[in-house]
PDB file of all heavy atoms in Angstrom:
ATOM      1  N   ALA A   1     115.268 -32.893  48.322  1.00  0.00           N
ATOM      2  CA  ALA A   1     113.828 -33.049  48.742  1.00  0.00           C
ATOM      3  C   ALA A   1     113.112 -31.842  48.548  1.00  0.00           C
ATOM      4  O   ALA A   1     111.988 -31.797  48.149  1.00  0.00           O
ATOM      5  CB  ALA A   1     113.843 -33.617  50.173  1.00  0.00           C
ATOM      6  N   GLU A   2     113.830 -30.662  48.966  1.00  0.00           N
ATOM      7  CA  GLU A   2     113.125 -29.349  48.846  1.00  0.00           C
ATOM      8  C   GLU A   2     112.906 -28.927  47.401  1.00  0.00           C
ATOM      9  O   GLU A   2     111.846 -28.393  47.004  1.00  0.00           O
ATOM     10  CB  GLU A   2     114.007 -28.325  49.584  1.00  0.00           C
ATOM     11  CG  GLU A   2     113.443 -26.902  49.523  1.00  0.00           C
ATOM     12  CD  GLU A   2     114.265 -25.847  50.261  1.00  0.00           C
ATOM     13  OE1 GLU A   2     115.184 -26.338  50.940  1.00  0.00           O
ATOM     14  OE2 GLU A   2     114.018 -24.696  50.074  1.00  0.00           O
ATOM     15  N   LYS A   3     113.905 -29.198  46.554  1.00  0.00           N
ATOM     16  CA  LYS A   3     113.736 -28.797  45.105  1.00  0.00           C
ATOM     17  C   LYS A   3     112.711 -29.693  44.439  1.00  0.00           C
ATOM     18  O   LYS A   3     111.980 -29.232  43.510  1.00  0.00           O
ATOM     19  CB  LYS A   3     115.184 -28.886  44.396  1.00  0.00           C
ATOM     20  CG  LYS A   3     116.165 -27.845  44.858  1.00  0.00           C
ATOM     21  CD  LYS A   3     117.421 -27.913  44.111  1.00  0.00           C
ATOM     22  CE  LYS A   3     118.413 -26.846  44.515  1.00  0.00           C
ATOM     23  NZ  LYS A   3     117.965 -25.484  44.257  1.00  0.00           N
ATOM     24  N   LEU A   4     112.681 -30.908  44.684  1.00  0.00           N
ATOM     25  CA  LEU A   4     111.704 -31.886  44.059  1.00  0.00           C
ATOM     26  C   LEU A   4     110.421 -31.888  44.659  1.00  0.00           C
ATOM     27  O   LEU A   4     109.538 -32.486  44.169  1.00  0.00           O
ATOM     28  CB  LEU A   4     112.398 -33.270  44.086  1.00  0.00           C
ATOM     29  CG  LEU A   4     113.727 -33.601  43.303  1.00  0.00           C
ATOM     30  CD1 LEU A   4     114.203 -34.907  43.526  1.00  0.00           C
ATOM     31  CD2 LEU A   4     113.462 -33.256  41.852  1.00  0.00           C
ATOM     32  N   GLN A   5     110.427 -31.318  45.854  1.00  0.00           N
ATOM     33  CA  GLN A   5     109.086 -31.180  46.714  1.00  0.00           C
ATOM     34  C   GLN A   5     108.528 -32.636  46.826  1.00  0.00           C
ATOM     35  O   GLN A   5     107.371 -32.943  46.536  1.00  0.00           O
ATOM     36  CB  GLN A   5     108.070 -30.333  45.897  1.00  0.00           C
ATOM     37  CG  GLN A   5     108.531 -28.905  45.817  1.00  0.00           C
ATOM     38  CD  GLN A   5     107.406 -28.024  45.300  1.00  0.00           C
ATOM     39  OE1 GLN A   5     106.391 -28.465  44.663  1.00  0.00           O
ATOM     40  NE2 GLN A   5     107.635 -26.687  45.366  1.00  0.00           N
ATOM     41  N   ILE A   6     109.366 -33.536  47.394  1.00  0.00           N
ATOM     42  CA  ILE A   6     109.096 -34.829  47.802  1.00  0.00           C
ATOM     43  C   ILE A   6     109.590 -35.195  49.144  1.00  0.00           C
ATOM     44  O   ILE A   6     110.501 -34.536  49.575  1.00  0.00           O
ATOM     45  CB  ILE A   6     109.617 -35.837  46.808  1.00  0.00           C
ATOM     46  CG1 ILE A   6     111.064 -35.813  46.649  1.00  0.00           C
ATOM     47  CG2 ILE A   6     108.881 -35.701  45.385  1.00  0.00           C
ATOM     48  CD1 ILE A   6     111.680 -36.859  45.803  1.00  0.00           C
ATOM     49  N   PRO A   7     109.078 -36.215  49.872  1.00  0.00           N
ATOM     50  CA  PRO A   7     109.610 -36.572  51.142  1.00  0.00           C
ATOM     51  C   PRO A   7     111.090 -37.080  50.949  1.00  0.00           C
ATOM     52  O   PRO A   7     111.457 -37.692  49.955  1.00  0.00           O
ATOM     53  CB  PRO A   7     108.757 -37.721  51.577  1.00  0.00           C
ATOM     54  CG  PRO A   7     107.506 -37.571  50.907  1.00  0.00           C
ATOM     55  CD  PRO A   7     107.812 -36.928  49.607  1.00  0.00           C
ATOM     56  N   LYS A   8     111.958 -36.758  51.884  1.00  0.00           N
ATOM     57  CA  LYS A   8     113.336 -37.151  51.837  1.00  0.00           C
ATOM     58  C   LYS A   8     113.632 -38.609  51.678  1.00  0.00           C
ATOM     59  O   LYS A   8     114.514 -39.056  50.948  1.00  0.00           O
ATOM     60  CB  LYS A   8     114.062 -36.687  53.107  1.00  0.00           C
ATOM     61  CG  LYS A   8     115.524 -36.903  53.233  1.00  0.00           C
ATOM     62  CD  LYS A   8     116.022 -36.260  54.475  1.00  0.00           C
ATOM     63  CE  LYS A   8     117.538 -36.569  54.696  1.00  0.00           C
ATOM     64  NZ  LYS A   8     117.997 -36.012  56.004  1.00  0.00           N
ATOM     65  N   ALA A   9     112.788 -39.402  52.331  1.00  0.00           N
ATOM     66  CA  ALA A   9     112.918 -40.840  52.186  1.00  0.00           C
ATOM     67  C   ALA A   9     112.682 -41.380  50.785  1.00  0.00           C
ATOM     68  O   ALA A   9     113.263 -42.424  50.435  1.00  0.00           O
ATOM     69  CB  ALA A   9     112.027 -41.530  53.173  1.00  0.00           C
ATOM     70  N   GLU A  10     111.890 -40.735  49.925  1.00  0.00           N
ATOM     71  CA  GLU A  10     111.624 -41.225  48.596  1.00  0.00           C
ATOM     72  C   GLU A  10     112.859 -41.164  47.746  1.00  0.00           C
ATOM     73  O   GLU A  10     112.838 -41.896  46.709  1.00  0.00           O
ATOM     74  CB  GLU A  10     110.429 -40.434  47.944  1.00  0.00           C
ATOM     75  CG  GLU A  10     109.040 -40.808  48.681  1.00  0.00           C
ATOM     76  CD  GLU A  10     107.944 -40.144  47.894  1.00  0.00           C
ATOM     77  OE1 GLU A  10     108.201 -39.701  46.709  1.00  0.00           O
ATOM     78  OE2 GLU A  10     106.870 -40.053  48.403  1.00  0.00           O
ATOM     79  N   ILE A  11     113.751 -40.253  47.939  1.00  0.00           N
ATOM     80  CA  ILE A  11     114.843 -40.082  47.057  1.00  0.00           C
ATOM     81  C   ILE A  11     115.631 -41.390  46.888  1.00  0.00           C
ATOM     82  O   ILE A  11     116.240 -41.645  45.766  1.00  0.00           O
ATOM     83  CB  ILE A  11     115.827 -38.964  47.582  1.00  0.00           C
ATOM     84  CG1 ILE A  11     115.024 -37.658  47.598  1.00  0.00           C
ATOM     85  CG2 ILE A  11     117.036 -38.785  46.858  1.00  0.00           C
ATOM     86  CD1 ILE A  11     115.778 -36.500  48.171  1.00  0.00           C
ATOM     87  N   SER A  12     115.747 -42.101  47.978  1.00  0.00           N
ATOM     88  CA  SER A  12     116.584 -43.338  47.921  1.00  0.00           C
ATOM     89  C   SER A  12     115.922 -44.423  47.145  1.00  0.00           C
ATOM     90  O   SER A  12     116.449 -45.556  47.046  1.00  0.00           O
ATOM     91  CB  SER A  12     116.905 -43.846  49.285  1.00  0.00           C
ATOM     92  OG  SER A  12     115.720 -44.134  50.032  1.00  0.00           O
ATOM     93  N   THR A  13     114.722 -44.314  46.582  1.00  0.00           N
ATOM     94  CA  THR A  13     113.976 -45.314  45.823  1.00  0.00           C
ATOM     95  C   THR A  13     113.795 -44.887  44.362  1.00  0.00           C
ATOM     96  O   THR A  13     113.244 -45.719  43.571  1.00  0.00           O
ATOM     97  CB  THR A  13     112.605 -45.544  46.451  1.00  0.00           C
ATOM     98  OG1 THR A  13     111.737 -44.399  46.282  1.00  0.00           O
ATOM     99  CG2 THR A  13     112.726 -45.939  47.916  1.00  0.00           C
ATOM    100  N   MET A  14     114.313 -43.798  43.963  1.00  0.00           N
ATOM    101  CA  MET A  14     113.875 -43.243  42.684  1.00  0.00           C
ATOM    102  C   MET A  14     115.021 -43.472  41.533  1.00  0.00           C
ATOM    103  O   MET A  14     114.696 -43.113  40.396  1.00  0.00           O
ATOM    104  CB  MET A  14     113.643 -41.714  42.787  1.00  0.00           C
ATOM    105  CG  MET A  14     112.495 -41.469  43.698  1.00  0.00           C
ATOM    106  SD  MET A  14     112.223 -39.579  43.915  1.00  0.00           S
ATOM    107  CE  MET A  14     111.876 -39.026  42.360  1.00  0.00           C
ATOM    108  N   GLY A  15     116.105 -43.994  41.821  1.00  0.00           N
ATOM    109  CA  GLY A  15     117.210 -44.198  40.798  1.00  0.00           C
ATOM    110  C   GLY A  15     117.733 -42.956  40.208  1.00  0.00           C
ATOM    111  O   GLY A  15     118.016 -42.953  39.119  1.00  0.00           O
ATOM    112  N   LEU A  16     117.867 -41.990  41.061  1.00  0.00           N
ATOM    113  CA  LEU A  16     118.394 -40.747  40.562  1.00  0.00           C
ATOM    114  C   LEU A  16     119.889 -40.785  40.585  1.00  0.00           C
ATOM    115  O   LEU A  16     120.616 -41.527  41.174  1.00  0.00           O
ATOM    116  CB  LEU A  16     117.923 -39.523  41.523  1.00  0.00           C
ATOM    117  CG  LEU A  16     116.415 -39.419  41.772  1.00  0.00           C
ATOM    118  CD1 LEU A  16     116.195 -38.311  42.808  1.00  0.00           C
ATOM    119  CD2 LEU A  16     115.727 -39.002  40.460  1.00  0.00           C
ATOM    120  N   ARG A  17     120.452 -39.777  39.803  1.00  0.00           N
ATOM    121  CA  ARG A  17     121.924 -39.496  39.803  1.00  0.00           C
ATOM    122  C   ARG A  17     122.071 -38.071  40.284  1.00  0.00           C
ATOM    123  O   ARG A  17     121.739 -37.149  39.497  1.00  0.00           O
ATOM    124  CB  ARG A  17     122.606 -39.831  38.497  1.00  0.00           C
ATOM    125  CG  ARG A  17     124.052 -39.572  38.431  1.00  0.00           C
ATOM    126  CD  ARG A  17     124.662 -39.811  37.051  1.00  0.00           C
ATOM    127  NE  ARG A  17     126.040 -39.494  36.992  1.00  0.00           N
ATOM    128  CZ  ARG A  17     127.082 -40.242  37.287  1.00  0.00           C
ATOM    129  NH1 ARG A  17     126.790 -41.472  37.769  1.00  0.00           N
ATOM    130  NH2 ARG A  17     128.287 -39.831  37.136  1.00  0.00           N
ATOM    131  N   ILE A  18     122.551 -37.859  41.461  1.00  0.00           N
ATOM    132  CA  ILE A  18     122.596 -36.568  42.010  1.00  0.00           C
ATOM    133  C   ILE A  18     124.162 -36.121  41.909  1.00  0.00           C
ATOM    134  O   ILE A  18     124.996 -36.636  42.552  1.00  0.00           O
ATOM    135  CB  ILE A  18     122.206 -36.476  43.537  1.00  0.00           C
ATOM    136  CG1 ILE A  18     120.809 -36.952  43.628  1.00  0.00           C
ATOM    137  CG2 ILE A  18     122.385 -35.035  44.093  1.00  0.00           C
ATOM    138  CD1 ILE A  18     120.311 -37.086  45.006  1.00  0.00           C
ATOM    139  N   GLU A  19     124.387 -35.090  41.069  1.00  0.00           N
ATOM    140  CA  GLU A  19     125.769 -34.579  40.946  1.00  0.00           C
ATOM    141  C   GLU A  19     126.001 -33.379  41.925  1.00  0.00           C
ATOM    142  O   GLU A  19     125.119 -32.460  41.923  1.00  0.00           O
ATOM    143  CB  GLU A  19     125.909 -34.100  39.432  1.00  0.00           C
ATOM    144  CG  GLU A  19     125.741 -35.158  38.503  1.00  0.00           C
ATOM    145  CD  GLU A  19     125.966 -34.781  37.002  1.00  0.00           C
ATOM    146  OE1 GLU A  19     126.192 -33.645  36.831  1.00  0.00           O
ATOM    147  OE2 GLU A  19     125.974 -35.708  36.157  1.00  0.00           O
ATOM    148  N   THR A  20     127.066 -33.317  42.625  1.00  0.00           N
ATOM    149  CA  THR A  20     127.353 -32.407  43.623  1.00  0.00           C
ATOM    150  C   THR A  20     128.681 -31.684  43.296  1.00  0.00           C
ATOM    151  O   THR A  20     129.375 -32.025  42.422  1.00  0.00           O
ATOM    152  CB  THR A  20     127.387 -33.001  45.028  1.00  0.00           C
ATOM    153  OG1 THR A  20     128.658 -33.714  45.082  1.00  0.00           O
ATOM    154  CG2 THR A  20     126.241 -33.936  45.204  1.00  0.00           C
ATOM    155  N   THR A  21     128.980 -30.641  44.152  1.00  0.00           N
ATOM    156  CA  THR A  21     130.127 -29.922  43.953  1.00  0.00           C
ATOM    157  C   THR A  21     131.281 -30.346  44.904  1.00  0.00           C
ATOM    158  O   THR A  21     132.374 -29.863  45.025  1.00  0.00           O
ATOM    159  CB  THR A  21     129.881 -28.420  44.285  1.00  0.00           C
ATOM    160  OG1 THR A  21     129.421 -28.296  45.684  1.00  0.00           O
ATOM    161  CG2 THR A  21     128.883 -27.743  43.369  1.00  0.00           C
ATOM    162  N   LEU A  22     131.029 -31.352  45.671  1.00  0.00           N
ATOM    163  CA  LEU A  22     131.944 -31.926  46.646  1.00  0.00           C
ATOM    164  C   LEU A  22     133.259 -32.378  45.957  1.00  0.00           C
ATOM    165  O   LEU A  22     133.205 -33.136  45.002  1.00  0.00           O
ATOM    166  CB  LEU A  22     131.399 -32.990  47.562  1.00  0.00           C
ATOM    167  CG  LEU A  22     132.204 -33.533  48.685  1.00  0.00           C
ATOM    168  CD1 LEU A  22     132.132 -32.575  49.874  1.00  0.00           C
ATOM    169  CD2 LEU A  22     131.861 -34.845  49.095  1.00  0.00           C
ATOM    170  N   SER A  23     134.405 -32.044  46.516  1.00  0.00           N
ATOM    171  CA  SER A  23     135.645 -32.606  46.112  1.00  0.00           C
ATOM    172  C   SER A  23     136.125 -33.653  47.173  1.00  0.00           C
ATOM    173  O   SER A  23     136.403 -33.237  48.359  1.00  0.00           O
ATOM    174  CB  SER A  23     136.731 -31.489  46.009  1.00  0.00           C
ATOM    175  OG  SER A  23     137.936 -32.045  45.710  1.00  0.00           O
ATOM    176  N   LEU A  24     136.260 -34.849  46.814  1.00  0.00           N
ATOM    177  CA  LEU A  24     136.572 -35.870  47.825  1.00  0.00           C
ATOM    178  C   LEU A  24     137.971 -35.709  48.350  1.00  0.00           C
ATOM    179  O   LEU A  24     138.151 -35.847  49.626  1.00  0.00           O
ATOM    180  CB  LEU A  24     136.481 -37.243  47.185  1.00  0.00           C
ATOM    181  CG  LEU A  24     135.081 -37.856  47.029  1.00  0.00           C
ATOM    182  CD1 LEU A  24     135.018 -39.179  46.226  1.00  0.00           C
ATOM    183  CD2 LEU A  24     134.336 -37.955  48.348  1.00  0.00           C
ATOM    184  N   PRO A  25     138.980 -35.307  47.680  1.00  0.00           N
ATOM    185  CA  PRO A  25     140.327 -34.975  48.387  1.00  0.00           C
ATOM    186  C   PRO A  25     140.215 -33.845  49.285  1.00  0.00           C
ATOM    187  O   PRO A  25     140.829 -33.902  50.396  1.00  0.00           O
ATOM    188  CB  PRO A  25     141.180 -34.614  47.052  1.00  0.00           C
ATOM    189  CG  PRO A  25     140.585 -35.279  45.889  1.00  0.00           C
ATOM    190  CD  PRO A  25     139.125 -35.224  46.228  1.00  0.00           C
ATOM    191  N   VAL A  26     139.469 -32.790  48.968  1.00  0.00           N
ATOM    192  CA  VAL A  26     139.306 -31.673  49.861  1.00  0.00           C
ATOM    193  C   VAL A  26     138.506 -32.056  51.115  1.00  0.00           C
ATOM    194  O   VAL A  26     138.827 -31.725  52.233  1.00  0.00           O
ATOM    195  CB  VAL A  26     138.662 -30.505  49.176  1.00  0.00           C
ATOM    196  CG1 VAL A  26     138.360 -29.333  50.195  1.00  0.00           C
ATOM    197  CG2 VAL A  26     139.470 -29.996  48.011  1.00  0.00           C
ATOM    198  N   GLN A  27     137.427 -32.920  50.940  1.00  0.00           N
ATOM    199  CA  GLN A  27     136.669 -33.399  52.035  1.00  0.00           C
ATOM    200  C   GLN A  27     137.527 -34.260  53.013  1.00  0.00           C
ATOM    201  O   GLN A  27     137.392 -34.055  54.176  1.00  0.00           O
ATOM    202  CB  GLN A  27     135.548 -34.231  51.460  1.00  0.00           C
ATOM    203  CG  GLN A  27     134.652 -34.865  52.541  1.00  0.00           C
ATOM    204  CD  GLN A  27     133.849 -33.900  53.342  1.00  0.00           C
ATOM    205  OE1 GLN A  27     133.509 -32.768  52.859  1.00  0.00           O
ATOM    206  NE2 GLN A  27     133.404 -34.261  54.536  1.00  0.00           N
ATOM    207  N   GLN A  28     138.307 -35.065  52.414  1.00  0.00           N
ATOM    208  CA  GLN A  28     139.185 -35.855  53.269  1.00  0.00           C
ATOM    209  C   GLN A  28     140.187 -35.077  54.095  1.00  0.00           C
ATOM    210  O   GLN A  28     140.363 -35.304  55.251  1.00  0.00           O
ATOM    211  CB  GLN A  28     139.965 -37.003  52.362  1.00  0.00           C
ATOM    212  CG  GLN A  28     140.837 -37.898  53.230  1.00  0.00           C
ATOM    213  CD  GLN A  28     141.571 -38.952  52.423  1.00  0.00           C
ATOM    214  OE1 GLN A  28     141.375 -38.912  51.149  1.00  0.00           O
ATOM    215  NE2 GLN A  28     142.406 -39.769  52.917  1.00  0.00           N
ATOM    216  N   ALA A  29     140.770 -34.120  53.389  1.00  0.00           N
ATOM    217  CA  ALA A  29     141.650 -33.159  54.156  1.00  0.00           C
ATOM    218  C   ALA A  29     140.906 -32.409  55.190  1.00  0.00           C
ATOM    219  O   ALA A  29     141.492 -32.240  56.318  1.00  0.00           O
ATOM    220  CB  ALA A  29     142.268 -32.202  53.118  1.00  0.00           C
ATOM    221  N   ALA A  30     139.671 -32.018  54.921  1.00  0.00           N
ATOM    222  CA  ALA A  30     139.002 -31.143  55.922  1.00  0.00           C
ATOM    223  C   ALA A  30     138.605 -32.016  57.217  1.00  0.00           C
ATOM    224  O   ALA A  30     138.739 -31.595  58.309  1.00  0.00           O
ATOM    225  CB  ALA A  30     137.703 -30.766  55.322  1.00  0.00           C
ATOM    226  N   GLU A  31     138.361 -33.333  56.904  1.00  0.00           N
ATOM    227  CA  GLU A  31     137.965 -34.266  58.062  1.00  0.00           C
ATOM    228  C   GLU A  31     139.258 -34.484  58.860  1.00  0.00           C
ATOM    229  O   GLU A  31     139.181 -34.483  60.095  1.00  0.00           O
ATOM    230  CB  GLU A  31     137.420 -35.533  57.524  1.00  0.00           C
ATOM    231  CG  GLU A  31     135.996 -35.368  56.972  1.00  0.00           C
ATOM    232  CD  GLU A  31     135.498 -36.702  56.285  1.00  0.00           C
ATOM    233  OE1 GLU A  31     136.273 -37.667  56.272  1.00  0.00           O
ATOM    234  OE2 GLU A  31     134.409 -36.615  55.741  1.00  0.00           O
ATOM    235  N   GLU A  32     140.357 -34.654  58.260  1.00  0.00           N
ATOM    236  CA  GLU A  32     141.681 -34.897  58.914  1.00  0.00           C
ATOM    237  C   GLU A  32     142.098 -33.652  59.669  1.00  0.00           C
ATOM    238  O   GLU A  32     142.489 -33.738  60.856  1.00  0.00           O
ATOM    239  CB  GLU A  32     142.762 -35.389  57.950  1.00  0.00           C
ATOM    240  CG  GLU A  32     142.458 -36.672  57.277  1.00  0.00           C
ATOM    241  CD  GLU A  32     143.496 -36.979  56.201  1.00  0.00           C
ATOM    242  OE1 GLU A  32     144.321 -36.135  55.833  1.00  0.00           O
ATOM    243  OE2 GLU A  32     143.427 -38.138  55.680  1.00  0.00           O
ATOM    244  N   VAL A  33     141.942 -32.468  59.152  1.00  0.00           N
ATOM    245  CA  VAL A  33     142.384 -31.253  59.786  1.00  0.00           C
ATOM    246  C   VAL A  33     141.538 -31.019  61.056  1.00  0.00           C
ATOM    247  O   VAL A  33     142.086 -30.721  62.140  1.00  0.00           O
ATOM    248  CB  VAL A  33     142.177 -30.035  58.848  1.00  0.00           C
ATOM    249  CG1 VAL A  33     142.210 -28.699  59.655  1.00  0.00           C
ATOM    250  CG2 VAL A  33     143.296 -30.073  57.824  1.00  0.00           C
ATOM    251  N   LEU A  34     140.167 -31.302  60.958  1.00  0.00           N
ATOM    252  CA  LEU A  34     139.305 -31.094  62.101  1.00  0.00           C
ATOM    253  C   LEU A  34     139.726 -32.114  63.242  1.00  0.00           C
ATOM    254  O   LEU A  34     139.792 -31.730  64.447  1.00  0.00           O
ATOM    255  CB  LEU A  34     137.858 -31.260  61.787  1.00  0.00           C
ATOM    256  CG  LEU A  34     136.770 -30.922  62.816  1.00  0.00           C
ATOM    257  CD1 LEU A  34     136.950 -29.433  63.224  1.00  0.00           C
ATOM    258  CD2 LEU A  34     135.369 -31.286  62.355  1.00  0.00           C
ATOM    259  N   ALA A  35     139.892 -33.399  62.851  1.00  0.00           N
ATOM    260  CA  ALA A  35     140.186 -34.461  63.787  1.00  0.00           C
ATOM    261  C   ALA A  35     141.486 -34.107  64.463  1.00  0.00           C
ATOM    262  O   ALA A  35     141.680 -34.238  65.737  1.00  0.00           O
ATOM    263  CB  ALA A  35     140.197 -35.787  63.162  1.00  0.00           C
ATOM    264  N   THR A  36     142.512 -33.777  63.678  1.00  0.00           N
ATOM    265  CA  THR A  36     143.862 -33.420  64.224  1.00  0.00           C
ATOM    266  C   THR A  36     143.904 -32.176  65.102  1.00  0.00           C
ATOM    267  O   THR A  36     144.494 -32.206  66.183  1.00  0.00           O
ATOM    268  CB  THR A  36     144.885 -33.261  63.068  1.00  0.00           C
ATOM    269  OG1 THR A  36     144.792 -34.421  62.250  1.00  0.00           O
ATOM    270  CG2 THR A  36     146.248 -33.019  63.626  1.00  0.00           C
ATOM    271  N   GLY A  37     143.202 -31.186  64.670  1.00  0.00           N
ATOM    272  CA  GLY A  37     143.125 -29.893  65.441  1.00  0.00           C
ATOM    273  C   GLY A  37     142.514 -30.115  66.746  1.00  0.00           C
ATOM    274  O   GLY A  37     142.888 -29.352  67.699  1.00  0.00           O
ATOM    275  N   LEU A  38     141.525 -30.942  66.874  1.00  0.00           N
ATOM    276  CA  LEU A  38     140.778 -31.027  68.166  1.00  0.00           C
ATOM    277  C   LEU A  38     141.407 -32.082  69.035  1.00  0.00           C
ATOM    278  O   LEU A  38     141.037 -32.197  70.281  1.00  0.00           O
ATOM    279  CB  LEU A  38     139.362 -31.476  67.849  1.00  0.00           C
ATOM    280  CG  LEU A  38     138.504 -30.313  67.213  1.00  0.00           C
ATOM    281  CD1 LEU A  38     137.079 -30.839  66.885  1.00  0.00           C
ATOM    282  CD2 LEU A  38     138.348 -29.101  68.036  1.00  0.00           C
ATOM    283  N   HIS A  39     142.308 -32.931  68.540  1.00  0.00           N
ATOM    284  CA  HIS A  39     142.880 -34.038  69.240  1.00  0.00           C
ATOM    285  C   HIS A  39     143.511 -33.579  70.589  1.00  0.00           C
ATOM    286  O   HIS A  39     143.271 -34.245  71.608  1.00  0.00           O
ATOM    287  CB  HIS A  39     143.895 -34.844  68.448  1.00  0.00           C
ATOM    288  CG  HIS A  39     144.432 -36.000  69.147  1.00  0.00           C
ATOM    289  ND1 HIS A  39     143.734 -37.202  69.351  1.00  0.00           N
ATOM    290  CD2 HIS A  39     145.690 -36.147  69.621  1.00  0.00           C
ATOM    291  CE1 HIS A  39     144.503 -37.926  70.143  1.00  0.00           C
ATOM    292  NE2 HIS A  39     145.627 -37.434  70.240  1.00  0.00           N
ATOM    293  N   PRO A  40     144.359 -32.480  70.546  1.00  0.00           N
ATOM    294  CA  PRO A  40     144.968 -32.106  71.818  1.00  0.00           C
ATOM    295  C   PRO A  40     144.023 -31.727  72.971  1.00  0.00           C
ATOM    296  O   PRO A  40     144.414 -31.724  74.159  1.00  0.00           O
ATOM    297  CB  PRO A  40     145.872 -30.875  71.445  1.00  0.00           C
ATOM    298  CG  PRO A  40     146.006 -31.053  69.939  1.00  0.00           C
ATOM    299  CD  PRO A  40     144.776 -31.647  69.528  1.00  0.00           C
ATOM    300  N   TYR A  41     142.738 -31.404  72.638  1.00  0.00           N
ATOM    301  CA  TYR A  41     141.816 -30.972  73.629  1.00  0.00           C
ATOM    302  C   TYR A  41     140.881 -32.078  74.189  1.00  0.00           C
ATOM    303  O   TYR A  41     139.950 -31.852  74.924  1.00  0.00           O
ATOM    304  CB  TYR A  41     140.949 -29.848  73.024  1.00  0.00           C
ATOM    305  CG  TYR A  41     141.725 -28.728  72.482  1.00  0.00           C
ATOM    306  CD1 TYR A  41     141.984 -28.546  71.180  1.00  0.00           C
ATOM    307  CD2 TYR A  41     142.336 -27.771  73.354  1.00  0.00           C
ATOM    308  CE1 TYR A  41     142.740 -27.588  70.623  1.00  0.00           C
ATOM    309  CE2 TYR A  41     142.988 -26.700  72.842  1.00  0.00           C
ATOM    310  CZ  TYR A  41     143.270 -26.614  71.479  1.00  0.00           C
ATOM    311  OH  TYR A  41     144.036 -25.609  71.068  1.00  0.00           O
TER     312      TYR A  41
END
């Protein structure tokens, strides 16, 4: 929204393809590590 200078809500109606740097395996591992690490507390 900041780069395109448009309201955030408009992005979901524009038919864009947004390519990101996220790695889904790394993301899944990060979520599991956080959940497991906080579980004892």
